[in-house]
Amino acid sequence: MSRRRGPVALAACAVACAVAFAVGGCGAPSFEGAVPALSQPQTEQDRLPARASGARAEAVDPGSTRYLGGTQVAEYWVGLDGEEICLVQSLRGTGTVGSSCAGADVFERSGVRVSTSSADVSATGLLVPEGFDAADATGDAAGDEEWVAVNDNLLAPADEGGSPASSG
């Protein structure tokens, strides 16, 4: 009878692993629930601009990027780099691009912050998980700034014209 327990135990383990994999228990983290834009088909606007270069921005999977919107001074995209989620920022009218990435645990706790400066302008953005309250934007990622929502997943400092701007 102990001979049959091995195959039964092995089969039970295989089923448990299959279930865990199906619900995301194995492999790279899924950020689609935290940032619904990632589950949408990519459009032309979702692609990073050609000027988006630099070691970190170039590491972002080009097929994963989605446009999040913009403020008066910057435009923002979310994308994936392996097991990390990234926020890419492009300062309007300057060609200056910055990006920052974080793993799932950091993203869920404090978001992903990016700050970029040119000679004339600077901007900061904070990518946050779905349901994140702007009032909770504190700590290392948020600093001491007052944040306003650009959309459900993007916060910007109020003093940078944090209200949504046109995408053009």
C-alpha atoms as a PDB file:
ATOM      1  CA  MET A   1       0.000   0.000   0.000  1.00  0.00           C
ATOM      2  CA  SER A   2       2.883   2.366   0.600  1.00  0.00           C
ATOM      3  CA  ARG A   3       3.903   1.886  -3.013  1.00  0.00           C
ATOM      4  CA  ARG A   4       0.666   3.548  -4.181  1.00  0.00           C
ATOM      5  CA  ARG A   5       1.122   6.550  -1.873  1.00  0.00           C
ATOM      6  CA  GLY A   6       4.118   7.776  -3.872  1.00  0.00           C
ATOM      7  CA  PRO A   7       2.246   8.180  -7.167  1.00  0.00           C
ATOM      8  CA  VAL A   8      -0.830   9.580  -5.377  1.00  0.00           C
ATOM      9  CA  ALA A   9       1.276  12.089  -3.450  1.00  0.00           C
ATOM     10  CA  LEU A  10       3.122  13.033  -6.629  1.00  0.00           C
ATOM     11  CA  ALA A  11      -0.163  13.547  -8.491  1.00  0.00           C
ATOM     12  CA  ALA A  12      -1.538  15.683  -5.638  1.00  0.00           C
ATOM     13  CA  CYS A  13       1.614  17.781  -5.670  1.00  0.00           C
ATOM     14  CA  ALA A  14       1.381  18.235  -9.452  1.00  0.00           C
ATOM     15  CA  VAL A  15      -2.242  19.391  -9.161  1.00  0.00           C
ATOM     16  CA  ALA A  16      -1.360  21.825  -6.361  1.00  0.00           C
ATOM     17  CA  CYS A  17       1.504  23.274  -8.420  1.00  0.00           C
ATOM     18  CA  ALA A  18      -0.739  23.624 -11.471  1.00  0.00           C
ATOM     19  CA  VAL A  19      -3.345  25.494  -9.421  1.00  0.00           C
ATOM     20  CA  ALA A  20      -0.695  27.755  -7.872  1.00  0.00           C
ATOM     21  CA  PHE A  21       0.711  28.543 -11.315  1.00  0.00           C
ATOM     22  CA  ALA A  22      -2.756  29.285 -12.719  1.00  0.00           C
ATOM     23  CA  VAL A  23      -3.439  31.891 -10.026  1.00  0.00           C
ATOM     24  CA  GLY A  24      -0.034  33.497 -10.339  1.00  0.00           C
ATOM     25  CA  GLY A  25       1.785  31.672  -7.580  1.00  0.00           C
ATOM     26  CA  CYS A  26       4.811  30.907  -9.743  1.00  0.00           C
ATOM     27  CA  GLY A  27       6.967  32.917 -12.102  1.00  0.00           C
ATOM     28  CA  ALA A  28       7.123  36.678 -12.570  1.00  0.00           C
ATOM     29  CA  PRO A  29       4.662  38.866 -10.662  1.00  0.00           C
ATOM     30  CA  SER A  30       1.577  40.112 -12.482  1.00  0.00           C
ATOM     31  CA  PHE A  31       1.023  43.849 -12.193  1.00  0.00           C
ATOM     32  CA  GLU A  32      -2.167  43.907 -14.294  1.00  0.00           C
ATOM     33  CA  GLY A  33      -4.474  43.940 -11.256  1.00  0.00           C
ATOM     34  CA  ALA A  34      -2.547  46.810  -9.691  1.00  0.00           C
ATOM     35  CA  VAL A  35      -2.297  48.808 -12.942  1.00  0.00           C
ATOM     36  CA  PRO A  36      -5.275  47.934 -15.188  1.00  0.00           C
ATOM     37  CA  ALA A  37      -3.767  49.761 -18.188  1.00  0.00           C
ATOM     38  CA  LEU A  38      -1.280  46.885 -18.469  1.00  0.00           C
ATOM     39  CA  SER A  39      -4.119  44.489 -19.307  1.00  0.00           C
ATOM     40  CA  GLN A  40      -5.296  46.609 -22.255  1.00  0.00           C
ATOM     41  CA  PRO A  41      -4.027  46.129 -25.827  1.00  0.00           C
ATOM     42  CA  GLN A  42      -1.126  48.426 -26.672  1.00  0.00           C
ATOM     43  CA  THR A  43      -1.936  51.392 -28.935  1.00  0.00           C
ATOM     44  CA  GLU A  44       0.386  53.754 -30.800  1.00  0.00           C
ATOM     45  CA  GLN A  45       0.150  56.285 -27.936  1.00  0.00           C
ATOM     46  CA  ASP A  46       1.275  53.574 -25.493  1.00  0.00           C
ATOM     47  CA  ARG A  47       4.658  53.221 -27.186  1.00  0.00           C
ATOM     48  CA  LEU A  48       7.550  55.147 -25.668  1.00  0.00           C
ATOM     49  CA  PRO A  49       8.718  58.128 -27.713  1.00  0.00           C
ATOM     50  CA  ALA A  50      11.881  57.615 -29.760  1.00  0.00           C
ATOM     51  CA  ARG A  51      13.723  59.997 -27.448  1.00  0.00           C
ATOM     52  CA  ALA A  52      13.165  57.616 -24.502  1.00  0.00           C
ATOM     53  CA  SER A  53      16.694  56.363 -24.193  1.00  0.00           C
ATOM     54  CA  GLY A  54      18.957  55.690 -21.274  1.00  0.00           C
ATOM     55  CA  ALA A  55      19.925  52.483 -19.548  1.00  0.00           C
ATOM     56  CA  ARG A  56      16.773  52.092 -17.466  1.00  0.00           C
ATOM     57  CA  ALA A  57      14.236  53.206 -20.095  1.00  0.00           C
ATOM     58  CA  GLU A  58      15.835  50.959 -22.713  1.00  0.00           C
ATOM     59  CA  ALA A  59      15.507  47.950 -20.382  1.00  0.00           C
ATOM     60  CA  VAL A  60      11.710  48.323 -20.311  1.00  0.00           C
ATOM     61  CA  ASP A  61       9.989  45.754 -22.547  1.00  0.00           C
ATOM     62  CA  PRO A  62       8.662  47.887 -25.444  1.00  0.00           C
ATOM     63  CA  GLY A  63       5.612  45.647 -25.824  1.00  0.00           C
ATOM     64  CA  SER A  64       4.574  46.255 -22.207  1.00  0.00           C
ATOM     65  CA  THR A  65       4.398  50.058 -22.174  1.00  0.00           C
ATOM     66  CA  ARG A  66       1.117  51.912 -21.660  1.00  0.00           C
ATOM     67  CA  TYR A  67       0.522  55.658 -21.649  1.00  0.00           C
ATOM     68  CA  LEU A  68      -0.792  56.915 -18.303  1.00  0.00           C
ATOM     69  CA  GLY A  69      -1.299  60.596 -19.060  1.00  0.00           C
ATOM     70  CA  GLY A  70       0.483  63.799 -18.265  1.00  0.00           C
ATOM     71  CA  THR A  71       0.723  67.028 -16.363  1.00  0.00           C
ATOM     72  CA  GLN A  72       1.592  70.501 -17.593  1.00  0.00           C
ATOM     73  CA  VAL A  73       5.295  69.576 -17.538  1.00  0.00           C
ATOM     74  CA  ALA A  74       5.593  65.832 -18.235  1.00  0.00           C
ATOM     75  CA  GLU A  75       4.071  62.733 -19.831  1.00  0.00           C
ATOM     76  CA  TYR A  76       4.146  59.263 -18.226  1.00  0.00           C
ATOM     77  CA  TRP A  77       4.179  55.615 -19.286  1.00  0.00           C
ATOM     78  CA  VAL A  78       4.151  52.405 -17.264  1.00  0.00           C
ATOM     79  CA  GLY A  79       6.113  49.386 -18.451  1.00  0.00           C
ATOM     80  CA  LEU A  80       7.709  46.160 -17.286  1.00  0.00           C
ATOM     81  CA  ASP A  81      11.358  45.198 -16.938  1.00  0.00           C
ATOM     82  CA  GLY A  82      11.470  41.511 -16.079  1.00  0.00           C
ATOM     83  CA  GLU A  83      10.018  41.202 -12.582  1.00  0.00           C
ATOM     84  CA  GLU A  84       9.848  44.961 -12.003  1.00  0.00           C
ATOM     85  CA  ILE A  85       7.306  47.632 -12.850  1.00  0.00           C
ATOM     86  CA  CYS A  86       8.638  50.912 -14.222  1.00  0.00           C
ATOM     87  CA  LEU A  87       7.503  54.509 -14.555  1.00  0.00           C
ATOM     88  CA  VAL A  88       8.932  56.385 -17.553  1.00  0.00           C
ATOM     89  CA  GLN A  89       8.696  60.178 -17.623  1.00  0.00           C
ATOM     90  CA  SER A  90       9.294  62.562 -20.540  1.00  0.00           C
ATOM     91  CA  LEU A  91       9.559  66.287 -19.870  1.00  0.00           C
ATOM     92  CA  ARG A  92       7.447  68.209 -22.369  1.00  0.00           C
ATOM     93  CA  GLY A  93       9.402  70.204 -24.933  1.00  0.00           C
ATOM     94  CA  THR A  94      12.844  69.180 -23.672  1.00  0.00           C
ATOM     95  CA  GLY A  95      13.598  65.665 -24.898  1.00  0.00           C
ATOM     96  CA  THR A  96      14.591  64.761 -21.336  1.00  0.00           C
ATOM     97  CA  VAL A  97      13.479  61.310 -20.207  1.00  0.00           C
ATOM     98  CA  GLY A  98      13.813  59.551 -16.863  1.00  0.00           C
ATOM     99  CA  SER A  99      12.636  56.250 -15.478  1.00  0.00           C
ATOM    100  CA  SER A 100      12.575  54.223 -12.297  1.00  0.00           C
ATOM    101  CA  CYS A 101      11.569  50.630 -11.525  1.00  0.00           C
ATOM    102  CA  ALA A 102      10.719  48.570  -8.446  1.00  0.00           C
ATOM    103  CA  GLY A 103       9.751  45.038  -7.538  1.00  0.00           C
ATOM    104  CA  ALA A 104       6.238  44.055  -6.509  1.00  0.00           C
ATOM    105  CA  ASP A 105       6.813  44.350  -2.756  1.00  0.00           C
ATOM    106  CA  VAL A 106       8.170  47.911  -2.948  1.00  0.00           C
ATOM    107  CA  PHE A 107       5.538  48.947  -5.510  1.00  0.00           C
ATOM    108  CA  GLU A 108       2.656  47.699  -3.350  1.00  0.00           C
ATOM    109  CA  ARG A 109       4.024  49.449  -0.268  1.00  0.00           C
ATOM    110  CA  SER A 110       5.152  52.820  -1.621  1.00  0.00           C
ATOM    111  CA  GLY A 111       4.837  52.990  -5.414  1.00  0.00           C
ATOM    112  CA  VAL A 112       7.537  53.889  -7.933  1.00  0.00           C
ATOM    113  CA  ARG A 113       8.819  57.464  -7.989  1.00  0.00           C
ATOM    114  CA  VAL A 114      10.681  59.156 -10.830  1.00  0.00           C
ATOM    115  CA  SER A 115      12.129  62.681 -10.858  1.00  0.00           C
ATOM    116  CA  THR A 116      13.699  64.246 -13.925  1.00  0.00           C
ATOM    117  CA  SER A 117      15.214  67.680 -14.539  1.00  0.00           C
ATOM    118  CA  SER A 118      16.382  69.722 -17.484  1.00  0.00           C
ATOM    119  CA  ALA A 119      17.889  73.203 -17.550  1.00  0.00           C
ATOM    120  CA  ASP A 120      14.414  74.768 -17.561  1.00  0.00           C
ATOM    121  CA  VAL A 121      12.007  72.390 -15.855  1.00  0.00           C
ATOM    122  CA  SER A 122      11.771  69.484 -13.464  1.00  0.00           C
ATOM    123  CA  ALA A 123       9.006  67.019 -12.706  1.00  0.00           C
ATOM    124  CA  THR A 124       8.207  64.158 -10.379  1.00  0.00           C
ATOM    125  CA  GLY A 125       5.686  61.362 -10.785  1.00  0.00           C
ATOM    126  CA  LEU A 126       4.579  58.540  -8.516  1.00  0.00           C
ATOM    127  CA  LEU A 127       3.165  55.309  -9.960  1.00  0.00           C
ATOM    128  CA  VAL A 128       0.853  53.678  -7.416  1.00  0.00           C
ATOM    129  CA  PRO A 129      -1.259  50.512  -7.263  1.00  0.00           C
ATOM    130  CA  GLU A 130      -5.002  50.626  -7.960  1.00  0.00           C
ATOM    131  CA  GLY A 131      -6.887  51.908  -4.901  1.00  0.00           C
ATOM    132  CA  PHE A 132      -3.889  53.795  -3.468  1.00  0.00           C
ATOM    133  CA  ASP A 133      -5.030  56.964  -1.681  1.00  0.00           C
ATOM    134  CA  ALA A 134      -3.086  60.125  -2.551  1.00  0.00           C
ATOM    135  CA  ALA A 135      -3.322  61.055   1.133  1.00  0.00           C
ATOM    136  CA  ASP A 136      -1.234  57.946   1.870  1.00  0.00           C
ATOM    137  CA  ALA A 137       1.613  59.137  -0.359  1.00  0.00           C
ATOM    138  CA  THR A 138       4.235  59.547   2.341  1.00  0.00           C
ATOM    139  CA  GLY A 139       7.618  58.123   3.148  1.00  0.00           C
ATOM    140  CA  ASP A 140      10.705  57.748   1.010  1.00  0.00           C
ATOM    141  CA  ALA A 141       8.871  57.422  -2.298  1.00  0.00           C
ATOM    142  CA  ALA A 142       6.602  60.426  -1.836  1.00  0.00           C
ATOM    143  CA  GLY A 143       8.720  62.842   0.192  1.00  0.00           C
ATOM    144  CA  ASP A 144       7.007  65.834   1.787  1.00  0.00           C
ATOM    145  CA  GLU A 145       5.042  66.962  -1.262  1.00  0.00           C
ATOM    146  CA  GLU A 146       1.282  67.304  -1.621  1.00  0.00           C
ATOM    147  CA  TRP A 147       0.156  64.863  -4.321  1.00  0.00           C
ATOM    148  CA  VAL A 148      -2.812  64.970  -6.679  1.00  0.00           C
ATOM    149  CA  ALA A 149      -4.135  62.186  -8.890  1.00  0.00           C
ATOM    150  CA  VAL A 150      -3.473  62.412 -12.627  1.00  0.00           C
ATOM    151  CA  ASN A 151      -5.317  59.095 -12.958  1.00  0.00           C
ATOM    152  CA  ASP A 152      -5.980  56.055 -10.744  1.00  0.00           C
ATOM    153  CA  ASN A 153      -2.337  54.935 -10.932  1.00  0.00           C
ATOM    154  CA  LEU A 154      -0.392  58.180 -11.310  1.00  0.00           C
ATOM    155  CA  LEU A 155       0.186  60.939  -8.789  1.00  0.00           C
ATOM    156  CA  ALA A 156       2.041  64.208  -9.339  1.00  0.00           C
ATOM    157  CA  PRO A 157       2.944  67.073  -7.007  1.00  0.00           C
ATOM    158  CA  ALA A 158       0.209  69.699  -6.882  1.00  0.00           C
ATOM    159  CA  ASP A 159       2.721  72.484  -7.554  1.00  0.00           C
ATOM    160  CA  GLU A 160       3.697  70.917 -10.905  1.00  0.00           C
ATOM    161  CA  GLY A 161       0.259  71.295 -12.391  1.00  0.00           C
ATOM    162  CA  GLY A 162      -0.817  67.861 -11.273  1.00  0.00           C
ATOM    163  CA  SER A 163      -4.159  68.132 -12.987  1.00  0.00           C
ATOM    164  CA  PRO A 164      -4.323  66.075 -16.169  1.00  0.00           C
ATOM    165  CA  ALA A 165      -3.129  67.829 -19.300  1.00  0.00           C
ATOM    166  CA  SER A 166      -3.865  67.022 -22.906  1.00  0.00           C
ATOM    167  CA  SER A 167      -1.918  64.108 -24.327  1.00  0.00           C
ATOM    168  CA  GLY A 168      -0.544  66.121 -27.233  1.00  0.00           C
END
